[in-house]
């Protein structure tokens, strides 16, 4: 099964078992969390959700198999 996994930075080593061809192995996409989710992110952070992010924070992802 393949999916996009969150990374802390584009320089972080790949995680998981990667079996895709080299050109796809380190495929990375990024996104900027929209400010519309700021309230939800703040609430999730107060509830102890480690995945909560701040408004405008850039998230990095990689395509991995697991």
N, C-alpha and C. Protein backbone atom coordinates (compact mmCIF):
# COMPACT_ATOMS: atom_id res chain seq x y z
N UNK A 1 0.85 -1.18 0.00
CA UNK A 1 0.00 0.00 0.00
C UNK A 1 0.90 1.24 0.00
N UNK A 2 0.49 2.24 -0.74
CA UNK A 2 1.29 3.46 -0.84
C UNK A 2 0.49 4.65 -0.32
N UNK A 3 1.19 5.59 0.25
CA UNK A 3 0.52 6.80 0.73
C UNK A 3 1.53 7.91 0.93
N UNK A 4 1.01 9.11 1.09
CA UNK A 4 1.86 10.25 1.40
C UNK A 4 2.05 10.30 2.90
N UNK A 5 3.28 10.34 3.36
CA UNK A 5 3.59 10.42 4.79
C UNK A 5 4.19 11.78 5.10
N UNK A 6 3.81 12.33 6.23
CA UNK A 6 4.33 13.64 6.60
C UNK A 6 5.81 13.54 7.00
N UNK A 7 6.58 14.54 6.60
CA UNK A 7 8.00 14.64 6.96
C UNK A 7 8.19 15.93 7.73
N UNK A 8 9.23 15.97 8.55
CA UNK A 8 9.53 17.18 9.30
C UNK A 8 10.25 18.21 8.44
N UNK A 9 10.98 17.75 7.46
CA UNK A 9 11.69 18.67 6.57
C UNK A 9 12.03 17.92 5.28
N UNK A 10 12.33 18.66 4.21
CA UNK A 10 12.67 17.98 2.96
C UNK A 10 14.02 17.27 3.02
N UNK A 11 14.82 17.54 4.04
CA UNK A 11 16.14 16.92 4.16
C UNK A 11 16.12 15.68 5.05
N UNK A 12 14.99 15.42 5.67
CA UNK A 12 14.88 14.27 6.56
C UNK A 12 14.99 12.98 5.75
N UNK A 13 15.71 11.97 6.26
CA UNK A 13 15.83 10.70 5.53
C UNK A 13 14.47 10.04 5.32
N UNK A 14 14.28 9.31 4.23
CA UNK A 14 13.00 8.64 3.98
C UNK A 14 12.67 7.66 5.10
N UNK A 15 11.36 7.52 5.38
CA UNK A 15 10.91 6.58 6.39
C UNK A 15 10.13 5.46 5.71
N UNK A 16 10.10 4.31 6.33
CA UNK A 16 9.29 3.21 5.81
C UNK A 16 10.02 2.43 4.73
N UNK A 17 9.36 1.42 4.22
CA UNK A 17 9.92 0.59 3.16
C UNK A 17 9.61 1.24 1.82
N UNK A 18 10.64 1.64 1.13
CA UNK A 18 10.44 2.32 -0.15
C UNK A 18 10.81 1.37 -1.28
N UNK A 19 9.84 1.04 -2.12
CA UNK A 19 10.09 0.07 -3.18
C UNK A 19 9.82 0.65 -4.56
N UNK A 20 9.60 1.95 -4.64
CA UNK A 20 9.32 2.58 -5.92
C UNK A 20 10.62 2.82 -6.68
N UNK A 21 10.56 3.03 -7.99
CA UNK A 21 11.76 3.38 -8.75
C UNK A 21 12.40 4.64 -8.17
N UNK A 22 13.69 4.77 -8.39
CA UNK A 22 14.44 5.87 -7.79
C UNK A 22 13.84 7.24 -8.08
N UNK A 23 13.33 7.42 -9.29
CA UNK A 23 12.80 8.73 -9.65
C UNK A 23 11.59 9.10 -8.79
N UNK A 24 10.88 8.08 -8.29
CA UNK A 24 9.72 8.33 -7.44
C UNK A 24 10.02 8.15 -5.96
N UNK A 25 11.14 7.50 -5.66
CA UNK A 25 11.43 7.10 -4.29
C UNK A 25 11.44 8.27 -3.33
N UNK A 26 12.01 9.39 -3.77
CA UNK A 26 12.11 10.52 -2.87
C UNK A 26 11.15 11.63 -3.29
N UNK A 27 10.07 11.21 -3.93
CA UNK A 27 9.08 12.21 -4.35
C UNK A 27 8.57 12.96 -3.13
N UNK A 28 8.62 14.25 -3.21
CA UNK A 28 8.21 15.08 -2.08
C UNK A 28 7.24 16.14 -2.57
N UNK A 29 6.24 16.36 -1.81
CA UNK A 29 5.35 17.48 -2.09
C UNK A 29 5.26 18.30 -0.82
N UNK A 30 4.89 19.52 -0.96
CA UNK A 30 4.73 20.36 0.22
C UNK A 30 3.39 21.08 0.13
N UNK A 31 2.91 21.51 1.24
CA UNK A 31 1.67 22.27 1.27
C UNK A 31 1.76 23.27 2.40
N UNK A 32 1.01 24.33 2.28
CA UNK A 32 0.93 25.31 3.35
C UNK A 32 -0.45 25.18 3.97
N UNK A 33 -0.48 24.90 5.25
CA UNK A 33 -1.75 24.71 5.94
C UNK A 33 -2.55 26.01 5.87
N UNK A 34 -3.77 25.97 5.33
CA UNK A 34 -4.56 27.19 5.21
C UNK A 34 -4.95 27.76 6.57
N UNK A 35 -5.07 29.07 6.60
CA UNK A 35 -5.38 29.74 7.86
C UNK A 35 -6.80 29.45 8.34
N UNK A 36 -7.64 28.92 7.46
CA UNK A 36 -9.01 28.60 7.86
C UNK A 36 -9.03 27.51 8.92
N UNK A 37 -7.95 26.73 9.02
CA UNK A 37 -7.92 25.64 9.99
C UNK A 37 -7.22 26.06 11.28
N UNK A 38 -6.91 27.34 11.41
CA UNK A 38 -6.17 27.80 12.58
C UNK A 38 -6.89 27.45 13.89
N UNK A 39 -8.17 27.75 13.97
CA UNK A 39 -8.91 27.48 15.20
C UNK A 39 -8.92 25.98 15.52
N UNK A 40 -9.16 25.16 14.50
CA UNK A 40 -9.18 23.72 14.71
C UNK A 40 -7.80 23.21 15.14
N UNK A 41 -6.75 23.77 14.54
CA UNK A 41 -5.39 23.35 14.89
C UNK A 41 -5.05 23.74 16.32
N UNK A 42 -5.44 24.95 16.70
CA UNK A 42 -5.17 25.40 18.07
C UNK A 42 -5.91 24.52 19.07
N UNK A 43 -7.16 24.21 18.76
CA UNK A 43 -7.95 23.36 19.66
C UNK A 43 -7.32 21.97 19.75
N UNK A 44 -6.94 21.40 18.62
CA UNK A 44 -6.32 20.07 18.62
C UNK A 44 -5.02 20.10 19.42
N UNK A 45 -4.26 21.19 19.30
CA UNK A 45 -3.01 21.31 20.04
C UNK A 45 -3.26 21.34 21.54
N UNK A 46 -4.31 22.03 21.95
CA UNK A 46 -4.64 22.11 23.38
C UNK A 46 -5.12 20.76 23.89
N UNK A 47 -5.65 19.95 23.00
CA UNK A 47 -6.14 18.63 23.40
C UNK A 47 -5.01 17.60 23.36
N UNK A 48 -3.81 18.05 23.03
CA UNK A 48 -2.66 17.14 23.04
C UNK A 48 -2.39 16.42 21.74
N UNK A 49 -2.94 16.92 20.64
CA UNK A 49 -2.71 16.28 19.35
C UNK A 49 -1.34 16.71 18.82
N UNK A 50 -0.36 15.80 18.71
CA UNK A 50 0.98 16.16 18.26
C UNK A 50 1.03 16.55 16.78
N UNK A 51 -0.02 16.21 16.03
CA UNK A 51 -0.03 16.53 14.61
C UNK A 51 -0.61 17.91 14.31
N UNK A 52 -1.05 18.62 15.35
CA UNK A 52 -1.61 19.95 15.14
C UNK A 52 -0.52 20.87 14.61
N UNK A 53 -0.89 21.69 13.65
CA UNK A 53 0.08 22.61 13.07
C UNK A 53 -0.46 24.03 13.12
N UNK A 54 0.43 24.98 12.96
CA UNK A 54 0.05 26.38 13.01
C UNK A 54 -0.41 26.88 11.65
N UNK A 55 -1.15 27.96 11.68
CA UNK A 55 -1.62 28.61 10.47
C UNK A 55 -0.44 28.97 9.58
N UNK A 56 -0.48 28.56 8.32
CA UNK A 56 0.58 28.90 7.39
C UNK A 56 1.83 28.04 7.47
N UNK A 57 1.84 27.07 8.37
CA UNK A 57 3.03 26.20 8.49
C UNK A 57 3.18 25.35 7.24
N UNK A 58 4.40 25.23 6.77
CA UNK A 58 4.66 24.42 5.58
C UNK A 58 4.85 22.97 6.00
N UNK A 59 4.12 22.09 5.35
CA UNK A 59 4.22 20.66 5.64
C UNK A 59 4.92 19.98 4.46
N UNK A 60 5.78 19.02 4.76
CA UNK A 60 6.47 18.27 3.71
C UNK A 60 5.98 16.82 3.76
N UNK A 61 5.83 16.22 2.59
CA UNK A 61 5.34 14.85 2.51
C UNK A 61 6.22 14.04 1.58
N UNK A 62 6.25 12.74 1.78
CA UNK A 62 6.95 11.86 0.85
C UNK A 62 6.05 10.67 0.54
N UNK A 63 6.23 10.09 -0.63
CA UNK A 63 5.43 8.96 -1.08
C UNK A 63 6.15 7.69 -0.66
N UNK A 64 5.57 6.91 0.23
CA UNK A 64 6.23 5.70 0.71
C UNK A 64 5.27 4.52 0.69
N UNK A 65 5.84 3.33 0.75
CA UNK A 65 5.04 2.11 0.83
C UNK A 65 5.16 1.56 2.24
N UNK A 66 4.13 0.86 2.66
CA UNK A 66 4.16 0.25 3.99
C UNK A 66 3.24 -0.94 4.04
